[in-house]
Protein backbone atom coordinates (compact mmCIF):
# COMPACT_ATOMS: atom_id res chain seq x y z
CA MET A 1 -25.93 46.31 1.36
CA GLU A 2 -23.83 49.97 0.92
CA ILE A 3 -26.20 51.35 3.84
CA LYS A 4 -25.12 48.26 6.19
CA LEU A 5 -21.68 48.92 5.84
CA ILE A 6 -21.97 52.36 6.15
CA TRP A 7 -23.10 51.90 9.95
CA ILE A 8 -21.25 49.09 10.84
CA ALA A 9 -18.36 51.54 9.84
CA PHE A 10 -19.92 54.01 11.90
CA GLY A 11 -20.09 51.61 14.45
CA VAL A 12 -16.89 50.24 14.23
CA GLY A 13 -15.42 53.87 14.56
CA ALA A 14 -17.66 54.78 17.55
CA PHE A 15 -16.69 51.96 19.82
CA LEU A 16 -13.20 52.71 19.51
CA VAL A 17 -13.36 56.70 19.95
CA SER A 18 -15.30 55.49 23.04
CA LEU A 19 -12.96 53.24 24.20
CA LEU A 20 -10.21 55.24 23.80
CA ALA A 21 -12.24 58.04 25.39
CA VAL A 22 -12.56 55.91 28.38
CA LEU A 23 -8.82 55.06 28.30
CA THR A 24 -8.10 58.62 28.08
CA VAL A 25 -10.34 59.34 31.30
CA LYS A 26 -8.96 56.06 33.18
CA SER A 27 -5.28 57.03 32.59
CA TYR A 28 -5.27 60.88 32.90
CA GLY A 29 -2.83 60.23 35.87
CA VAL A 30 -0.23 58.73 34.06
CA LEU A 31 -0.73 60.88 30.89
CA GLN A 32 0.16 63.82 33.27
CA VAL A 33 3.25 62.36 34.87
CA ARG A 34 4.41 61.38 31.17
CA TRP A 35 3.68 65.24 30.02
CA LEU A 36 5.38 66.05 33.04
CA ASN A 37 8.25 64.15 32.23
CA THR A 38 8.73 65.35 28.75
CA SER A 39 8.54 69.14 30.29
CA ARG A 40 11.28 68.27 32.54
CA LEU A 41 13.50 66.83 30.27
CA ARG A 42 13.12 69.85 27.96
CA ASP A 43 13.72 72.27 30.92
CA LEU A 44 17.12 70.05 31.90
CA LYS A 45 18.10 69.88 28.23
CA LEU A 46 17.84 73.81 27.83
CA ARG A 47 19.83 74.51 31.77
CA VAL A 48 22.84 72.25 30.27
CA ALA A 49 22.57 74.92 27.54
CA ALA A 50 22.86 77.54 29.72
CA THR A 51 25.14 76.67 32.65
CA SER A 52 28.75 77.47 32.40
CA ASP A 53 29.31 75.04 35.30
CA ASP A 54 31.17 72.09 34.05
CA LEU A 55 30.01 69.87 37.05
CA GLU A 56 27.01 71.04 36.65
CA ARG A 57 26.69 70.69 33.21
CA GLY A 58 28.47 66.72 33.53
CA ALA A 59 26.18 65.58 36.30
CA LEU A 60 22.97 67.09 34.21
CA ASN A 61 23.88 64.66 31.38
CA ALA A 62 24.10 62.09 33.67
CA VAL A 63 20.31 62.33 34.17
CA ILE A 64 19.36 62.98 30.81
CA GLU A 65 21.23 60.03 29.48
CA ARG A 66 19.31 57.67 31.90
CA CYS A 67 16.03 58.89 31.13
CA GLU A 68 16.79 59.09 27.69
CA ALA A 69 18.29 55.37 27.31
CA LEU A 70 14.72 54.24 29.40
CA ARG A 71 12.52 56.35 26.80
CA GLY A 72 14.28 54.84 23.76
CA ARG A 73 13.55 51.00 25.19
CA TRP A 74 10.77 49.32 23.44
CA VAL A 75 10.66 46.79 26.29
CA LEU A 76 12.23 47.39 30.00
CA GLY A 77 14.89 45.03 30.29
CA GLU A 78 15.00 42.85 33.93
CA ALA A 79 18.01 44.63 34.81
CA ASP A 80 15.96 48.04 34.83
CA LEU A 81 13.56 46.72 37.84
CA SER A 82 16.70 46.66 40.13
CA LEU A 83 15.50 49.63 41.69
CA ILE A 84 17.58 50.21 44.49
CA ALA A 85 20.98 49.30 42.26
CA ASN A 86 20.25 51.83 39.98
CA THR A 87 19.06 54.47 42.08
CA ARG A 88 22.40 54.02 44.26
CA GLY A 89 24.60 54.05 41.06
CA LEU A 90 22.98 57.40 39.83
CA VAL A 91 23.54 59.37 43.02
CA ALA A 92 26.51 57.52 43.13
CA ASP A 93 27.77 58.92 39.39
CA ILE A 94 26.59 62.46 40.54
CA ALA A 95 28.25 62.49 44.22
CA LYS A 96 31.55 61.39 42.35
CA ARG A 97 31.10 64.03 40.08
CA TYR A 98 31.07 66.79 42.29
CA HIS A 99 33.59 65.41 44.83
CA PRO A 100 36.02 63.49 42.80
CA GLN A 101 38.82 64.14 45.73
CA SER A 102 36.96 62.14 48.16
CA SER A 103 37.66 58.18 48.76
CA GLN A 104 33.23 58.19 49.96
CA PRO A 105 31.64 60.69 47.46
CA LEU A 106 28.32 59.42 48.71
CA ALA A 107 29.50 60.81 52.39
CA GLU A 108 29.98 63.81 51.60
CA ALA A 109 26.65 65.10 51.96
CA ARG A 110 24.84 67.37 55.26
CA ILE A 111 22.76 65.73 56.77
CA GLU A 112 20.55 68.91 56.80
CA ASN A 113 20.41 68.54 52.73
CA ILE A 114 19.94 64.73 53.11
CA LEU A 115 17.11 65.56 55.49
CA ASN A 116 15.62 67.95 52.95
CA ALA A 117 16.10 65.44 50.11
CA PHE A 118 13.86 62.78 51.62
CA LEU A 119 11.18 65.33 52.96
CA ASP A 120 11.16 67.16 49.09
CA MET A 121 10.88 63.32 47.63
CA LYS A 122 8.37 62.04 49.90
CA THR A 123 5.81 64.87 49.07
CA HIS A 124 6.39 64.61 45.59
CA ILE A 125 5.57 61.01 45.89
CA LEU A 126 2.41 61.50 47.75
CA GLN A 127 1.62 64.21 45.05
CA LEU A 128 2.09 61.48 42.32
CA THR A 129 -0.07 58.61 43.82
CA ARG A 130 -2.74 61.01 44.33
CA LEU A 131 -3.27 61.92 40.55
CA ARG A 132 -6.51 60.61 38.92
CA GLY A 133 -6.23 57.17 38.41
CA ILE A 134 -2.68 56.56 39.44
CA ARG A 135 -4.13 53.73 42.09
CA GLN A 136 -5.67 51.77 39.31
CA TRP A 137 -2.50 51.71 36.95
CA THR A 138 -0.11 51.00 39.22
CA ARG A 139 -1.53 47.79 41.14
CA PHE A 140 0.25 45.55 38.72
CA ARG A 141 3.32 43.13 40.51
CA LEU A 142 6.71 43.45 38.97
CA ARG A 143 6.88 40.32 38.09
CA HIS A 144 4.52 41.07 35.66
CA LEU A 145 7.65 43.24 33.97
CA VAL A 146 9.88 40.34 34.00
CA TRP A 147 7.65 38.03 32.07
CA LEU A 148 7.14 40.72 29.75
CA SER A 149 11.33 41.11 29.13
CA LYS A 150 11.92 37.54 29.27
CA ALA A 151 9.16 37.22 26.41
CA TRP A 152 10.76 40.15 24.53
CA GLN A 153 14.14 38.18 24.78
CA GLN A 154 12.62 34.66 23.63
CA LYS A 155 11.31 36.88 20.48
CA THR A 156 14.22 38.73 19.38
CA ARG A 157 16.33 35.08 19.96
CA TRP A 158 13.78 33.31 17.72
CA GLU A 159 13.89 36.13 15.21
CA GLN A 160 18.17 35.53 15.21
CA THR A 161 17.48 32.17 13.98
CA SER A 162 18.58 30.50 10.74
CA ALA A 163 15.30 29.22 9.89
CA VAL A 164 13.96 32.60 10.13
CA ARG A 165 16.70 34.11 8.44
CA THR A 166 16.18 31.93 5.72
CA ALA A 167 12.77 32.47 5.01
CA ARG A 168 13.25 36.21 4.77
CA ARG A 169 16.12 36.15 2.44
CA PHE A 170 13.89 33.82 0.38
CA ARG A 171 10.46 36.12 1.17
CA LEU A 172 10.09 35.86 -2.85
CA VAL A 173 9.25 32.07 -2.90
CA THR A 174 5.56 32.03 -2.79
CA LEU A 175 5.04 28.91 -0.16
CA VAL A 176 8.20 30.78 2.08
CA LYS A 177 5.68 34.44 1.82
CA TRP A 178 2.94 32.01 2.92
CA ILE A 179 4.95 30.59 5.89
CA THR A 180 6.39 34.05 7.06
CA LEU A 181 2.70 35.99 6.97
CA ALA A 182 1.46 33.13 8.88
CA LEU A 183 4.09 33.22 11.48
CA ARG A 184 3.90 37.20 11.58
CA SER A 185 0.05 36.83 11.98
CA LEU A 186 0.45 34.12 15.23
CA ASP A 187 3.22 36.48 16.41
CA LEU A 188 1.13 39.47 16.09
CA MET A 189 -2.00 37.47 17.59
CA PHE A 190 0.53 36.16 20.72
CA TRP A 191 1.38 40.06 21.69
CA SER A 192 -1.94 41.48 20.88
CA LEU A 193 -4.14 38.95 22.75
CA LYS A 194 -1.64 37.31 25.78
CA MET A 195 0.88 40.09 26.18
CA THR A 196 -1.42 43.52 25.60
CA VAL A 197 -2.10 44.24 29.16
CA PHE A 198 1.44 43.26 30.35
CA PHE A 199 2.86 45.92 27.67
CA LEU A 200 0.44 48.52 29.23
CA TYR A 201 2.27 47.59 32.66
CA ASP A 202 5.77 48.05 31.15
CA ILE A 203 4.87 51.36 29.58
CA VAL A 204 3.04 52.90 33.18
CA PHE A 205 6.40 51.52 34.52
CA LYS A 206 8.63 53.24 32.49
CA VAL A 207 6.36 56.60 32.82
CA PHE A 208 7.20 56.26 36.97
CA LEU A 209 10.71 55.03 36.06
CA ILE A 210 11.96 57.91 34.44
CA ARG A 211 10.03 60.18 36.80
CA TRP A 212 11.89 58.61 39.67
CA THR A 213 15.13 59.15 37.78
CA LEU A 214 14.49 62.70 37.22
CA LEU A 215 13.32 62.96 40.86
CA VAL A 216 16.58 61.37 42.43
CA GLY A 217 18.82 62.91 40.10
CA GLU A 218 17.51 66.37 40.29
CA THR A 219 17.84 66.06 44.17
CA ALA A 220 21.19 64.33 44.42
CA ILE A 221 22.30 67.39 42.53
CA ARG A 222 21.30 70.01 44.98
CA VAL A 223 22.75 67.42 47.89
CA TYR A 224 25.49 67.11 46.19
CA SER A 225 26.27 70.54 44.92
CA ASP A 226 26.82 72.54 48.13
CA GLN A 227 30.68 73.19 48.15
CA LYS A 228 30.53 75.14 51.40
CA THR A 229 33.59 73.87 53.20
CA GLY A 230 33.62 73.98 56.89
CA ALA A 231 31.57 73.51 60.26
CA ASP A 232 30.52 75.87 62.64
CA VAL A 233 30.92 72.80 65.64
CA ALA A 234 33.58 70.37 65.43
CA PRO A 235 32.30 67.03 65.17
CA GLU A 236 33.93 65.97 68.33
CA ASP A 237 32.75 68.20 70.24
CA LEU A 238 29.06 66.92 69.02
CA LEU A 239 29.98 63.47 69.72
CA GLU A 240 29.48 64.51 73.66
CA GLU A 241 25.90 65.28 73.02
CA MET A 242 25.60 61.19 71.70
CA ASP A 243 24.22 60.19 75.18
CA ALA A 244 21.17 62.02 74.22
CA LEU A 245 20.68 59.70 72.14
CA PRO A 246 16.69 57.51 73.30
CA ASP A 247 17.92 53.90 73.70
CA PRO A 248 16.35 52.18 71.11
CA ASN A 249 13.88 49.35 72.50
CA GLU A 250 12.85 46.21 70.99
CA PHE A 251 11.44 45.81 67.97
CA GLU A 252 7.61 46.20 68.79
CA GLU A 253 5.84 46.36 65.70
CA THR A 254 2.50 44.74 65.78
CA GLY A 255 0.72 42.90 63.18
CA LEU A 256 3.39 41.33 62.22
CA SER A 257 3.24 37.17 61.46
CA GLY A 258 5.27 34.97 64.10
CA GLU A 259 7.88 33.85 60.91
CA VAL A 260 8.22 37.88 60.37
CA GLN A 261 8.62 38.61 63.50
CA GLU A 262 11.19 36.13 64.40
CA LEU A 263 13.31 37.22 61.14
CA VAL A 264 13.48 40.76 62.36
CA ASN A 265 14.26 39.91 65.67
CA THR A 266 17.29 37.64 64.02
CA SER A 267 18.38 40.42 61.56
CA ARG A 268 18.76 42.97 64.18
CA LYS A 269 20.55 41.03 67.09
CA ALA A 270 23.18 40.34 64.12
CA ILE A 271 23.67 43.85 63.47
CA MET A 272 23.79 45.02 67.39
CA PHE A 273 26.05 41.95 68.20
CA HIS A 274 28.46 42.53 65.16
CA LEU A 275 31.95 42.31 66.16
CA GLY A 276 33.79 45.55 65.30
CA ALA A 277 33.21 48.46 63.23
CA MET A 278 30.41 47.93 60.77
CA SER A 279 30.40 49.52 57.38
CA TRP A 280 27.65 50.92 55.70
CA LYS A 281 28.28 48.01 52.87
CA GLU A 282 27.64 45.50 55.23
CA ALA A 283 24.38 47.20 56.48
CA ARG A 284 22.90 47.30 53.05
CA GLN A 285 23.80 43.53 52.75
CA ARG A 286 21.90 42.80 55.94
CA TYR A 287 19.00 45.25 54.88
CA ASP A 288 19.03 43.70 51.53
CA ARG A 289 19.10 40.24 53.10
CA LEU A 290 16.01 41.07 55.66
CA VAL A 291 13.93 42.58 52.68
CA GLU A 292 14.21 39.39 50.61
CA ASP A 293 13.59 37.28 53.33
CA ILE A 294 10.31 38.84 54.45
CA ALA A 295 9.28 38.60 50.71
CA ARG A 296 10.03 35.19 50.88
CA ALA A 297 7.85 34.79 54.05
CA HIS A 298 4.96 36.47 52.21
CA HIS A 299 5.11 34.80 48.89
CA PRO A 300 6.67 31.22 49.62
CA GLN A 301 5.65 29.55 46.73
CA SER A 302 7.33 32.52 43.58
CA GLU A 303 10.84 32.06 42.24
CA ARG A 304 11.53 35.72 42.62
CA PRO A 305 9.58 36.85 45.79
CA LEU A 306 11.17 40.52 45.51
CA TYR A 307 9.22 40.75 42.39
CA GLU A 308 6.07 40.06 44.26
CA ALA A 309 5.77 43.99 45.66
CA ARG A 310 3.61 45.85 43.35
CA LEU A 311 4.54 49.51 42.07
CA TYR A 312 1.99 51.76 44.08
CA ASP A 313 2.35 49.80 47.28
CA LEU A 314 6.26 50.98 46.40
CA LEU A 315 5.11 54.10 45.86
CA ILE A 316 3.56 54.41 49.28
CA GLY A 317 6.15 52.86 51.27
CA PHE A 318 9.07 54.99 50.39
CA SER A 319 7.04 57.75 51.28
CA ARG A 320 6.45 56.46 54.33
CA PHE A 321 10.02 55.23 55.14
CA ALA A 322 10.82 59.15 53.80
CA GLU A 323 8.86 60.04 56.87
CA GLN A 324 10.14 58.16 59.06
CA ILE A 325 13.86 59.39 57.93
CA VAL A 326 12.73 63.19 58.25
CA ASN A 327 11.79 62.39 61.94
CA LEU A 328 15.51 62.14 62.60
CA ASN A 329 15.26 65.58 62.70
CA THR A 330 13.47 65.77 65.86
CA LYS A 331 16.02 64.16 67.91
CA PRO A 332 18.32 66.97 69.72
CA VAL A 333 21.90 65.22 68.32
CA VAL A 334 20.93 65.18 64.59
CA ASN A 335 19.74 68.67 65.05
CA LYS A 336 22.89 70.00 66.24
CA MET A 337 24.40 68.06 63.19
CA LEU A 338 22.73 69.34 60.30
CA GLN A 339 25.45 71.33 58.96
CA LEU A 340 27.93 68.38 59.11
CA ARG A 341 28.65 66.14 56.51
CA LEU A 342 28.23 62.32 56.59
CA SER A 343 32.08 62.09 56.18
CA HIS A 344 32.71 63.93 59.59
CA LEU A 345 31.26 61.39 61.16
CA LEU A 346 32.25 58.20 59.49
CA LYS A 347 35.69 58.69 60.25
CA VAL A 348 37.11 56.12 62.47
CA LYS A 349 40.85 56.04 63.45
CA SER A 350 43.22 53.14 62.54
CA ALA A 351 44.75 53.55 65.74
CA SER A 352 42.43 52.00 68.02
CA ASP A 353 40.74 49.46 65.49
CA TRP A 354 41.84 47.17 67.81
CA ALA A 355 39.50 47.97 70.55
CA LEU A 356 36.32 47.77 68.21
CA GLU A 357 36.75 43.84 68.13
CA ASN A 358 35.40 43.27 71.48
CA GLN A 359 34.44 46.58 72.92
CA VAL A 360 31.85 47.56 71.11
CA ALA A 361 29.88 43.88 71.71
CA ASP A 362 30.80 44.13 75.27
CA LEU A 363 29.30 47.38 76.12
CA VAL A 364 26.50 46.27 73.65
CA ARG A 365 25.22 43.26 75.64
CA LYS A 366 25.85 45.01 78.40
CA TYR A 367 23.69 48.12 78.16
CA LYS A 368 22.05 47.94 74.88
CA VAL A 369 22.76 50.22 71.66
CA GLY A 370 21.60 53.48 73.81
CA THR A 371 23.41 53.03 76.95
CA ALA A 372 26.66 51.90 75.08
CA VAL A 373 26.29 54.98 73.33
CA LYS A 374 25.70 57.10 77.02
CA TYR A 375 28.92 54.78 78.62
CA SER A 376 31.10 55.47 75.85
CA ALA A 377 30.66 59.02 75.47
CA LEU A 378 31.19 59.36 79.52
CA VAL A 379 34.01 57.94 79.12
CA TYR A 380 35.29 60.27 76.32
CA LYS A 381 34.39 63.53 78.03
CA ALA A 382 36.35 62.21 81.12
CA PHE A 383 39.52 61.46 79.13
CA LYS A 384 38.81 65.10 77.30
CA LYS A 385 39.07 66.77 80.37
CA GLY A 386 42.80 66.00 80.67
CA HIS A 387 43.52 62.40 81.44
CA PRO A 388 46.62 62.13 79.81
CA GLY A 389 46.15 58.62 78.16
CA ILE A 390 45.51 59.97 74.73
CA LEU A 391 45.56 56.71 73.15
CA PHE A 392 42.77 55.61 75.38
CA LYS A 393 40.91 59.26 74.55
CA ASP A 394 41.16 57.95 70.71
CA VAL A 395 39.31 54.73 71.75
CA ALA A 396 36.73 56.47 73.90
CA LEU A 397 36.16 58.74 70.60
CA THR A 398 35.82 55.92 68.59
CA LEU A 399 33.53 54.05 70.56
CA THR A 400 31.57 56.68 70.75
CA ARG A 401 31.31 57.27 66.99
CA GLU A 402 30.62 53.49 66.13
CA ALA A 403 27.67 53.20 69.12
CA GLY A 404 26.52 56.19 67.20
CA LYS A 405 26.47 54.66 64.10
CA ARG A 406 24.92 51.33 65.44
CA TRP A 407 22.27 53.26 66.66
CA LEU A 408 21.86 54.71 63.37
CA VAL A 409 21.65 50.98 61.42
CA ILE A 410 19.30 49.90 63.81
CA TYR A 411 16.75 52.83 63.23
CA LEU A 412 16.91 52.32 59.61
CA HIS A 413 16.89 48.43 60.04
CA ASP A 414 13.57 48.63 61.91
CA LYS A 415 11.93 50.98 59.69
CA ILE A 416 12.90 48.98 56.24
CA ALA A 417 11.47 45.84 57.92
CA VAL A 418 8.07 47.60 59.02
CA GLU A 419 7.74 49.25 55.26
CA ALA A 420 8.99 45.94 53.71
CA HIS A 421 6.19 43.79 55.76
CA TRP A 422 3.73 46.33 54.43
CA VAL A 423 4.72 46.29 50.98
CA TYR A 424 4.78 42.46 50.58
CA LYS A 425 2.08 41.47 52.96
CA PRO A 426 -1.40 40.41 51.13
CA LYS A 427 -3.94 42.50 50.79
């Protein structure tokens, strides 16, 4: 009998060791990312202790605090899944620390630094996706994490009920002890049998979320810590080259379903024919609505279509989008603007705001965006050569800026549409 028990124990131990070995091999890439996170956080803490720059210390601490908060959570909350909002919040926090006097801290970045940042992030993301086992462990959908978060919140609320607190208070009573034991057993079975896979998903997502926070934070610090002042070329002189921008053709992406194609075309026309100056806040809202509409078109039965995306697809989609941003460097006009800050190109003079109410829309309707850029740039050049009408010269300058910004908004819109379709379409 004792021999049999020994062999049974040996068999169970061998099975557990084998299972652990298989899981370790399968999740080797995820473990690599986790080790990289731990090492990088340690390096950042050493960097905080060594630096004498208060701005750098504050920015580094902001990144470290976010990562430590994520590491300290047993289960991620639904708010942690708002990747775009959380990313923008972190970048805005770092930008404000380095440019506290600016009314638009996010715009205090040089175009060259932004393009280099996207190139670095694209390269890093691609390297992560090529690690062993990453594809298999990141094929889950974000809605699985939402389910886990809601279940954990429900469990937490249940533990705070008066019945459970009473059971714990009188746990010495035999009957209550058995009831408490049964409830805990059921609770253990629930989390063990029903939610184990979701726990693994949550752990994997947390590892990548910390990696993403570190990557974004360090990149933002490099971009906004650039304190060089002045520019070799005045923004007004560069605007003369706006007519070199290619005219964006109609959206011609193949492979889109009829419904998605119609959504993209409608959203694109709304941007092109928007009256007056379009703020970046308005552009972001239209981008968010476009992505949500595309997600709903591919997942009409889902209550939260945005959470139908898979983590692996998000990683690949971002790397593809970053490549398109880097390709802006091939545009002659953008190439000449590399040393400019975005804030130099976003200034619109209030004295000529009245002209934007109809002028830009009329130009776009008549000539399309690219031709509108050329037209307004030619007008600006003509007035700069000696026309006495200063107000009209300012109008032409404003139109040129707005038309150029509208060109960029449409460029980003088309790239976002393509990647959103790729991420959410059934595979």
